C-alpha atoms as a PDB file:
ATOM      1  CA  MET A   1      30.113 -30.285 -36.035  1.00  0.00           C
ATOM      2  CA  ASP A   2      33.455 -31.075 -34.393  1.00  0.00           C
ATOM      3  CA  GLU A   3      35.203 -29.143 -37.152  1.00  0.00           C
ATOM      4  CA  TYR A   4      32.756 -26.237 -36.913  1.00  0.00           C
ATOM      5  CA  LEU A   5      33.276 -25.975 -33.155  1.00  0.00           C
ATOM      6  CA  VAL A   6      36.989 -25.417 -33.715  1.00  0.00           C
ATOM      7  CA  THR A   7      36.857 -23.348 -36.910  1.00  0.00           C
ATOM      8  CA  GLY A   8      33.933 -21.095 -36.095  1.00  0.00           C
ATOM      9  CA  GLY A   9      31.767 -19.356 -38.657  1.00  0.00           C
ATOM     10  CA  MET A  10      33.709 -16.361 -40.004  1.00  0.00           C
ATOM     11  CA  PRO A  11      33.142 -16.813 -43.768  1.00  0.00           C
ATOM     12  CA  GLN A  12      36.581 -15.722 -44.982  1.00  0.00           C
ATOM     13  CA  TYR A  13      38.305 -18.032 -42.510  1.00  0.00           C
ATOM     14  CA  VAL A  14      36.019 -20.974 -43.311  1.00  0.00           C
ATOM     15  CA  LEU A  15      36.861 -20.674 -47.015  1.00  0.00           C
ATOM     16  CA  ALA A  16      40.594 -20.219 -46.391  1.00  0.00           C
ATOM     17  CA  PRO A  17      41.470 -21.413 -42.866  1.00  0.00           C
ATOM     18  CA  GLU A  18      44.608 -19.375 -42.368  1.00  0.00           C
ATOM     19  CA  PRO A  19      44.827 -18.351 -38.679  1.00  0.00           C
ATOM     20  CA  GLN A  20      46.386 -15.008 -39.571  1.00  0.00           C
ATOM     21  CA  LEU A  21      43.055 -13.936 -41.077  1.00  0.00           C
ATOM     22  CA  LEU A  22      41.352 -14.078 -37.687  1.00  0.00           C
ATOM     23  CA  LEU A  23      44.379 -12.677 -35.890  1.00  0.00           C
ATOM     24  CA  ASN A  24      44.243  -9.694 -38.244  1.00  0.00           C
ATOM     25  CA  ILE A  25      40.558  -9.127 -37.414  1.00  0.00           C
ATOM     26  CA  ILE A  26      41.298  -9.203 -33.688  1.00  0.00           C
ATOM     27  CA  GLU A  27      44.269  -6.880 -34.123  1.00  0.00           C
ATOM     28  CA  ASP A  28      42.268  -4.435 -36.242  1.00  0.00           C
ATOM     29  CA  VAL A  29      39.489  -4.236 -33.659  1.00  0.00           C
ATOM     30  CA  ILE A  30      41.880  -3.822 -30.736  1.00  0.00           C
ATOM     31  CA  TYR A  31      44.411  -1.438 -32.265  1.00  0.00           C
ATOM     32  CA  LYS A  32      42.280   0.487 -34.788  1.00  0.00           C
ATOM     33  CA  ASP A  33      38.858   0.569 -33.146  1.00  0.00           C
ATOM     34  CA  ILE A  34      39.425   0.348 -29.404  1.00  0.00           C
ATOM     35  CA  VAL A  35      42.817   2.027 -28.977  1.00  0.00           C
ATOM     36  CA  LYS A  36      41.991   4.962 -31.245  1.00  0.00           C
ATOM     37  CA  GLU A  37      38.349   5.377 -30.257  1.00  0.00           C
ATOM     38  CA  PHE A  38      38.957   5.204 -26.507  1.00  0.00           C
ATOM     39  CA  SER A  39      42.525   6.594 -26.384  1.00  0.00           C
ATOM     40  CA  VAL A  40      43.955   3.537 -24.627  1.00  0.00           C
ATOM     41  CA  GLN A  41      47.490   4.322 -23.502  1.00  0.00           C
ATOM     42  CA  ASP A  42      48.752   0.748 -23.119  1.00  0.00           C
ATOM     43  CA  PRO A  43      47.488  -1.368 -26.059  1.00  0.00           C
ATOM     44  CA  GLY A  44      49.819  -4.234 -25.158  1.00  0.00           C
ATOM     45  CA  ARG A  45      48.007  -4.780 -21.856  1.00  0.00           C
ATOM     46  CA  LEU A  46      44.696  -4.595 -23.710  1.00  0.00           C
ATOM     47  CA  ASN A  47      45.879  -7.347 -26.035  1.00  0.00           C
ATOM     48  CA  ASP A  48      47.095  -9.458 -23.096  1.00  0.00           C
ATOM     49  CA  LEU A  49      43.737  -9.072 -21.356  1.00  0.00           C
ATOM     50  CA  PHE A  50      41.844 -10.287 -24.417  1.00  0.00           C
ATOM     51  CA  PHE A  51      44.073 -13.363 -24.603  1.00  0.00           C
ATOM     52  CA  LEU A  52      43.303 -14.163 -20.953  1.00  0.00           C
ATOM     53  CA  MET A  53      39.603 -13.687 -21.567  1.00  0.00           C
ATOM     54  CA  MET A  54      39.658 -16.214 -24.411  1.00  0.00           C
ATOM     55  CA  ASP A  55      41.272 -18.730 -22.065  1.00  0.00           C
ATOM     56  CA  ARG A  56      38.313 -18.294 -19.685  1.00  0.00           C
ATOM     57  CA  VAL A  57      35.391 -18.696 -22.077  1.00  0.00           C
ATOM     58  CA  GLY A  58      32.456 -20.211 -20.195  1.00  0.00           C
ATOM     59  CA  LYS A  59      33.867 -19.265 -16.781  1.00  0.00           C
ATOM     60  CA  ARG A  60      32.812 -16.625 -14.280  1.00  0.00           C
ATOM     61  CA  LEU A  61      34.641 -13.335 -14.528  1.00  0.00           C
ATOM     62  CA  SER A  62      36.578 -11.570 -11.783  1.00  0.00           C
ATOM     63  CA  TYR A  63      37.554  -8.039 -12.818  1.00  0.00           C
ATOM     64  CA  SER A  64      40.065  -7.772  -9.985  1.00  0.00           C
ATOM     65  CA  LYS A  65      41.759 -11.061 -10.909  1.00  0.00           C
ATOM     66  CA  MET A  66      41.954 -10.108 -14.592  1.00  0.00           C
ATOM     67  CA  GLY A  67      43.329  -6.695 -13.693  1.00  0.00           C
ATOM     68  CA  ASN A  68      45.977  -8.174 -11.424  1.00  0.00           C
ATOM     69  CA  LEU A  69      47.083 -10.722 -14.027  1.00  0.00           C
ATOM     70  CA  VAL A  70      47.889  -7.999 -16.565  1.00  0.00           C
ATOM     71  CA  ASP A  71      48.909  -5.428 -13.944  1.00  0.00           C
ATOM     72  CA  ILE A  72      46.295  -2.797 -14.736  1.00  0.00           C
ATOM     73  CA  GLY A  73      43.996  -2.956 -11.723  1.00  0.00           C
ATOM     74  CA  SER A  74      40.303  -3.737 -11.397  1.00  0.00           C
ATOM     75  CA  ASP A  75      38.927  -0.410 -12.685  1.00  0.00           C
ATOM     76  CA  ALA A  76      40.993  -0.505 -15.880  1.00  0.00           C
ATOM     77  CA  ALA A  77      40.084  -4.154 -16.439  1.00  0.00           C
ATOM     78  CA  THR A  78      36.407  -3.241 -16.127  1.00  0.00           C
ATOM     79  CA  ARG A  79      36.803  -0.465 -18.720  1.00  0.00           C
ATOM     80  CA  TYR A  80      38.814  -2.611 -21.117  1.00  0.00           C
ATOM     81  CA  ILE A  81      36.339  -5.491 -20.953  1.00  0.00           C
ATOM     82  CA  GLY A  82      33.603  -2.945 -21.644  1.00  0.00           C
ATOM     83  CA  PHE A  83      35.498  -1.986 -24.808  1.00  0.00           C
ATOM     84  CA  PHE A  84      35.572  -5.625 -25.917  1.00  0.00           C
ATOM     85  CA  ARG A  85      31.818  -5.794 -25.417  1.00  0.00           C
ATOM     86  CA  GLN A  86      31.153  -2.563 -27.315  1.00  0.00           C
ATOM     87  CA  THR A  87      33.127  -3.875 -30.290  1.00  0.00           C
ATOM     88  CA  TYR A  88      31.373  -7.287 -30.091  1.00  0.00           C
ATOM     89  CA  LEU A  89      34.540  -9.304 -29.546  1.00  0.00           C
ATOM     90  CA  LEU A  90      32.999 -10.874 -26.471  1.00  0.00           C
ATOM     91  CA  HIS A  91      29.772 -11.060 -24.500  1.00  0.00           C
ATOM     92  CA  LEU A  92      28.980 -11.377 -20.803  1.00  0.00           C
ATOM     93  CA  CYS A  93      26.243 -13.551 -19.363  1.00  0.00           C
ATOM     94  CA  GLU A  94      24.527 -12.413 -16.157  1.00  0.00           C
ATOM     95  CA  ARG A  95      23.187 -14.630 -13.413  1.00  0.00           C
ATOM     96  CA  TRP A  96      19.503 -15.500 -13.514  1.00  0.00           C
ATOM     97  CA  GLY A  97      17.603 -14.095 -10.572  1.00  0.00           C
ATOM     98  CA  SER A  98      16.643 -10.844  -8.903  1.00  0.00           C
ATOM     99  CA  PRO A  99      17.952  -7.482 -10.146  1.00  0.00           C
ATOM    100  CA  ASN A 100      20.534  -7.463  -7.332  1.00  0.00           C
ATOM    101  CA  GLU A 101      21.690 -10.987  -8.174  1.00  0.00           C
ATOM    102  CA  ARG A 102      22.058 -10.059 -11.841  1.00  0.00           C
ATOM    103  CA  LYS A 103      23.956  -6.871 -11.043  1.00  0.00           C
ATOM    104  CA  TYR A 104      26.333  -8.041  -8.315  1.00  0.00           C
ATOM    105  CA  SER A 105      27.005 -11.686  -9.171  1.00  0.00           C
ATOM    106  CA  PRO A 106      30.001 -12.494 -11.405  1.00  0.00           C
ATOM    107  CA  LYS A 107      29.315 -12.597 -15.129  1.00  0.00           C
ATOM    108  CA  LYS A 108      30.351 -15.471 -17.386  1.00  0.00           C
ATOM    109  CA  ILE A 109      32.517 -14.863 -20.458  1.00  0.00           C
ATOM    110  CA  TYR A 110      31.679 -15.855 -24.044  1.00  0.00           C
ATOM    111  CA  CYS A 111      33.354 -14.861 -27.310  1.00  0.00           C
ATOM    112  CA  ALA A 112      31.762 -13.761 -30.560  1.00  0.00           C
ATOM    113  CA  ASP A 113      33.111 -16.689 -32.577  1.00  0.00           C
ATOM    114  CA  ASN A 114      34.837 -19.931 -31.653  1.00  0.00           C
ATOM    115  CA  GLY A 115      37.523 -19.308 -34.255  1.00  0.00           C
ATOM    116  CA  PHE A 116      38.848 -16.338 -32.264  1.00  0.00           C
ATOM    117  CA  ARG A 117      39.380 -18.538 -29.236  1.00  0.00           C
ATOM    118  CA  THR A 118      40.970 -21.324 -31.257  1.00  0.00           C
ATOM    119  CA  VAL A 119      43.583 -19.195 -33.015  1.00  0.00           C
ATOM    120  CA  LEU A 120      44.642 -17.660 -29.699  1.00  0.00           C
ATOM    121  CA  ILE A 121      44.709 -20.620 -27.301  1.00  0.00           C
ATOM    122  CA  GLY A 122      44.185 -23.721 -29.457  1.00  0.00           C
ATOM    123  CA  SER A 123      41.318 -26.178 -29.721  1.00  0.00           C
ATOM    124  CA  ARG A 124      41.535 -27.640 -26.216  1.00  0.00           C
ATOM    125  CA  GLY A 125      38.370 -27.707 -24.174  1.00  0.00           C
ATOM    126  CA  ILE A 126      35.759 -28.922 -26.660  1.00  0.00           C
ATOM    127  CA  GLY A 127      33.124 -28.554 -23.933  1.00  0.00           C
ATOM    128  CA  SER A 128      33.846 -24.830 -23.608  1.00  0.00           C
ATOM    129  CA  LEU A 129      33.621 -24.428 -27.382  1.00  0.00           C
ATOM    130  CA  ALA A 130      30.267 -26.217 -27.413  1.00  0.00           C
ATOM    131  CA  GLU A 131      28.962 -24.056 -24.558  1.00  0.00           C
ATOM    132  CA  ASN A 132      30.129 -20.908 -26.351  1.00  0.00           C
ATOM    133  CA  LEU A 133      28.299 -21.920 -29.517  1.00  0.00           C
ATOM    134  CA  VAL A 134      25.083 -22.653 -27.605  1.00  0.00           C
ATOM    135  CA  PHE A 135      25.280 -19.221 -25.954  1.00  0.00           C
ATOM    136  CA  ASN A 136      25.627 -17.527 -29.347  1.00  0.00           C
ATOM    137  CA  ILE A 137      22.711 -19.513 -30.761  1.00  0.00           C
ATOM    138  CA  MET A 138      20.496 -18.637 -27.799  1.00  0.00           C
ATOM    139  CA  ARG A 139      21.336 -14.930 -27.753  1.00  0.00           C
ATOM    140  CA  THR A 140      19.980 -14.529 -31.300  1.00  0.00           C
ATOM    141  CA  VAL A 141      16.549 -15.183 -29.776  1.00  0.00           C
ATOM    142  CA  ASP A 142      16.799 -13.574 -26.336  1.00  0.00           C
ATOM    143  CA  THR A 143      19.457 -12.889 -23.713  1.00  0.00           C
ATOM    144  CA  PRO A 144      20.309 -16.083 -21.800  1.00  0.00           C
ATOM    145  CA  HIS A 145      21.466 -16.102 -18.189  1.00  0.00           C
ATOM    146  CA  TYR A 146      23.299 -18.705 -16.167  1.00  0.00           C
ATOM    147  CA  GLY A 147      21.651 -20.114 -13.075  1.00  0.00           C
ATOM    148  CA  ILE A 148      22.730 -20.906  -9.522  1.00  0.00           C
ATOM    149  CA  VAL A 149      19.979 -22.929  -7.892  1.00  0.00           C
ATOM    150  CA  ASN A 150      20.540 -24.783  -4.593  1.00  0.00           C
ATOM    151  CA  ASP A 151      24.298 -24.404  -5.120  1.00  0.00           C
ATOM    152  CA  HIS A 152      24.040 -26.074  -8.539  1.00  0.00           C
ATOM    153  CA  GLU A 153      25.071 -24.156 -11.657  1.00  0.00           C
ATOM    154  CA  ILE A 154      22.847 -24.354 -14.732  1.00  0.00           C
ATOM    155  CA  ASP A 155      24.606 -23.362 -17.953  1.00  0.00           C
ATOM    156  CA  PHE A 156      21.739 -21.272 -19.333  1.00  0.00           C
ATOM    157  CA  ILE A 157      18.250 -20.165 -18.397  1.00  0.00           C
ATOM    158  CA  GLN A 158      16.166 -18.305 -20.950  1.00  0.00           C
ATOM    159  CA  ASN A 159      12.558 -17.476 -20.119  1.00  0.00           C
ATOM    160  CA  ASP A 160      10.963 -20.871 -19.258  1.00  0.00           C
ATOM    161  CA  LEU A 161      13.875 -22.914 -20.645  1.00  0.00           C
ATOM    162  CA  ALA A 162      16.857 -24.388 -18.762  1.00  0.00           C
ATOM    163  CA  VAL A 163      19.797 -25.696 -20.810  1.00  0.00           C
ATOM    164  CA  GLU A 164      22.827 -27.787 -19.875  1.00  0.00           C
ATOM    165  CA  VAL A 165      25.599 -28.398 -22.425  1.00  0.00           C
ATOM    166  CA  LYS A 166      27.253 -31.820 -22.254  1.00  0.00           C
ATOM    167  CA  TYR A 167      29.022 -32.401 -25.559  1.00  0.00           C
ATOM    168  CA  LYS A 168      29.309 -36.172 -25.297  1.00  0.00           C
ATOM    169  CA  ASP A 169      27.623 -39.294 -26.676  1.00  0.00           C
ATOM    170  CA  ILE A 170      26.807 -40.916 -23.342  1.00  0.00           C
ATOM    171  CA  LEU A 171      25.342 -39.104 -20.353  1.00  0.00           C
ATOM    172  CA  ASP A 172      26.396 -40.152 -16.863  1.00  0.00           C
ATOM    173  CA  GLU A 173      24.018 -39.777 -13.948  1.00  0.00           C
ATOM    174  CA  SER A 174      26.198 -36.959 -12.604  1.00  0.00           C
ATOM    175  CA  ASP A 175      25.780 -35.014 -15.863  1.00  0.00           C
ATOM    176  CA  CYS A 176      22.078 -34.594 -15.161  1.00  0.00           C
ATOM    177  CA  LEU A 177      22.141 -33.771 -11.443  1.00  0.00           C
ATOM    178  CA  ASN A 178      22.222 -29.983 -11.809  1.00  0.00           C
ATOM    179  CA  ILE A 179      19.348 -29.647 -14.235  1.00  0.00           C
ATOM    180  CA  LEU A 180      17.278 -32.309 -12.446  1.00  0.00           C
ATOM    181  CA  SER A 181      17.723 -30.390  -9.186  1.00  0.00           C
ATOM    182  CA  LEU A 182      16.153 -27.297 -10.751  1.00  0.00           C
ATOM    183  CA  LYS A 183      12.619 -27.009  -9.449  1.00  0.00           C
ATOM    184  CA  HIS A 184      11.063 -23.657 -10.222  1.00  0.00           C
ATOM    185  CA  HIS A 185       7.553 -22.882 -11.371  1.00  0.00           C
ATOM    186  CA  ARG A 186       8.841 -20.673 -14.204  1.00  0.00           C
ATOM    187  CA  ILE A 187      11.049 -23.386 -15.720  1.00  0.00           C
ATOM    188  CA  LYS A 188       8.817 -25.613 -17.815  1.00  0.00           C
ATOM    189  CA  ASN A 189      11.406 -27.065 -20.211  1.00  0.00           C
ATOM    190  CA  LYS A 190      14.741 -28.745 -19.419  1.00  0.00           C
ATOM    191  CA  VAL A 191      17.137 -29.525 -22.267  1.00  0.00           C
ATOM    192  CA  MET A 192      20.525 -31.227 -22.443  1.00  0.00           C
ATOM    193  CA  ILE A 193      22.669 -30.378 -25.484  1.00  0.00           C
ATOM    194  CA  THR A 194      24.715 -33.438 -26.439  1.00  0.00           C
ATOM    195  CA  ARG A 195      27.102 -34.539 -29.182  1.00  0.00           C
ATOM    196  CA  GLY A 196      24.946 -37.311 -30.630  1.00  0.00           C
ATOM    197  CA  SER A 197      21.494 -38.732 -30.053  1.00  0.00           C
ATOM    198  CA  VAL A 198      21.206 -39.675 -26.376  1.00  0.00           C
ATOM    199  CA  GLU A 199      18.317 -41.288 -24.530  1.00  0.00           C
ATOM    200  CA  PRO A 200      17.194 -38.594 -22.073  1.00  0.00           C
ATOM    201  CA  PRO A 201      16.411 -39.120 -18.402  1.00  0.00           C
ATOM    202  CA  LYS A 202      12.792 -38.636 -17.397  1.00  0.00           C
ATOM    203  CA  GLY A 203      11.772 -34.987 -17.476  1.00  0.00           C
ATOM    204  CA  ILE A 204      14.633 -33.879 -19.754  1.00  0.00           C
ATOM    205  CA  ARG A 205      14.835 -33.445 -23.509  1.00  0.00           C
ATOM    206  CA  THR A 206      18.125 -34.049 -25.314  1.00  0.00           C
ATOM    207  CA  ILE A 207      19.138 -32.282 -28.534  1.00  0.00           C
ATOM    208  CA  PRO A 208      22.341 -33.006 -30.476  1.00  0.00           C
ATOM    209  CA  LEU A 209      24.312 -29.808 -30.968  1.00  0.00           C
ATOM    210  CA  TRP A 210      24.385 -30.222 -34.744  1.00  0.00           C
ATOM    211  CA  ARG A 211      20.575 -30.286 -34.780  1.00  0.00           C
ATOM    212  CA  LEU A 212      20.341 -27.237 -32.490  1.00  0.00           C
ATOM    213  CA  ALA A 213      22.680 -25.320 -34.814  1.00  0.00           C
ATOM    214  CA  ILE A 214      20.328 -26.017 -37.744  1.00  0.00           C
ATOM    215  CA  ASN A 215      16.852 -25.932 -36.186  1.00  0.00           C
ATOM    216  CA  GLY A 216      17.207 -24.155 -32.859  1.00  0.00           C
ATOM    217  CA  PHE A 217      14.985 -25.558 -30.091  1.00  0.00           C
ATOM    218  CA  ASP A 218      12.110 -26.384 -32.460  1.00  0.00           C
END
């Protein structure tokens, strides 16, 4: 699982792990699909923006900050990130809550495959890679959201399920505070995704990530 988190699941790259293979895919999408389809005048800035996005996987997105970092402004950053979404290079996760909360709260960033992130910024941040994989597993079933409940952030909420990703073999008490603080009549199941088998606190189920990748939440 540790290897899969870093390598990702693009078949050609798994069989022959040459980073240039994934870099070529990214380049083709950006320069052949996005630049030509949407008549982008500054493809270099588009490429820079994608690199910054990969460095922020699992974090909340600020269009104005991204635009300022690559000197294109908030409106252009919003359009460019929309292009990445339309070509499935990345996905955005909305906040769980009312329609206004979903619309106006910052979105979180996730990429289509962990390998893309690794070849661009390296394998640091195994927790972010694990969270990205869990997002991609969950979105095959239904769109997950992230939660802010009593000032505590919950990694994912999907229907009646709340999920926290802690890719480690031992859970500290602090690791469970956010999900234990979640008290809502719609949330009937609380799950912690861990690295290995971990004895769960009362009221929480733990699932090793390798098992989730094979069996889902069954």
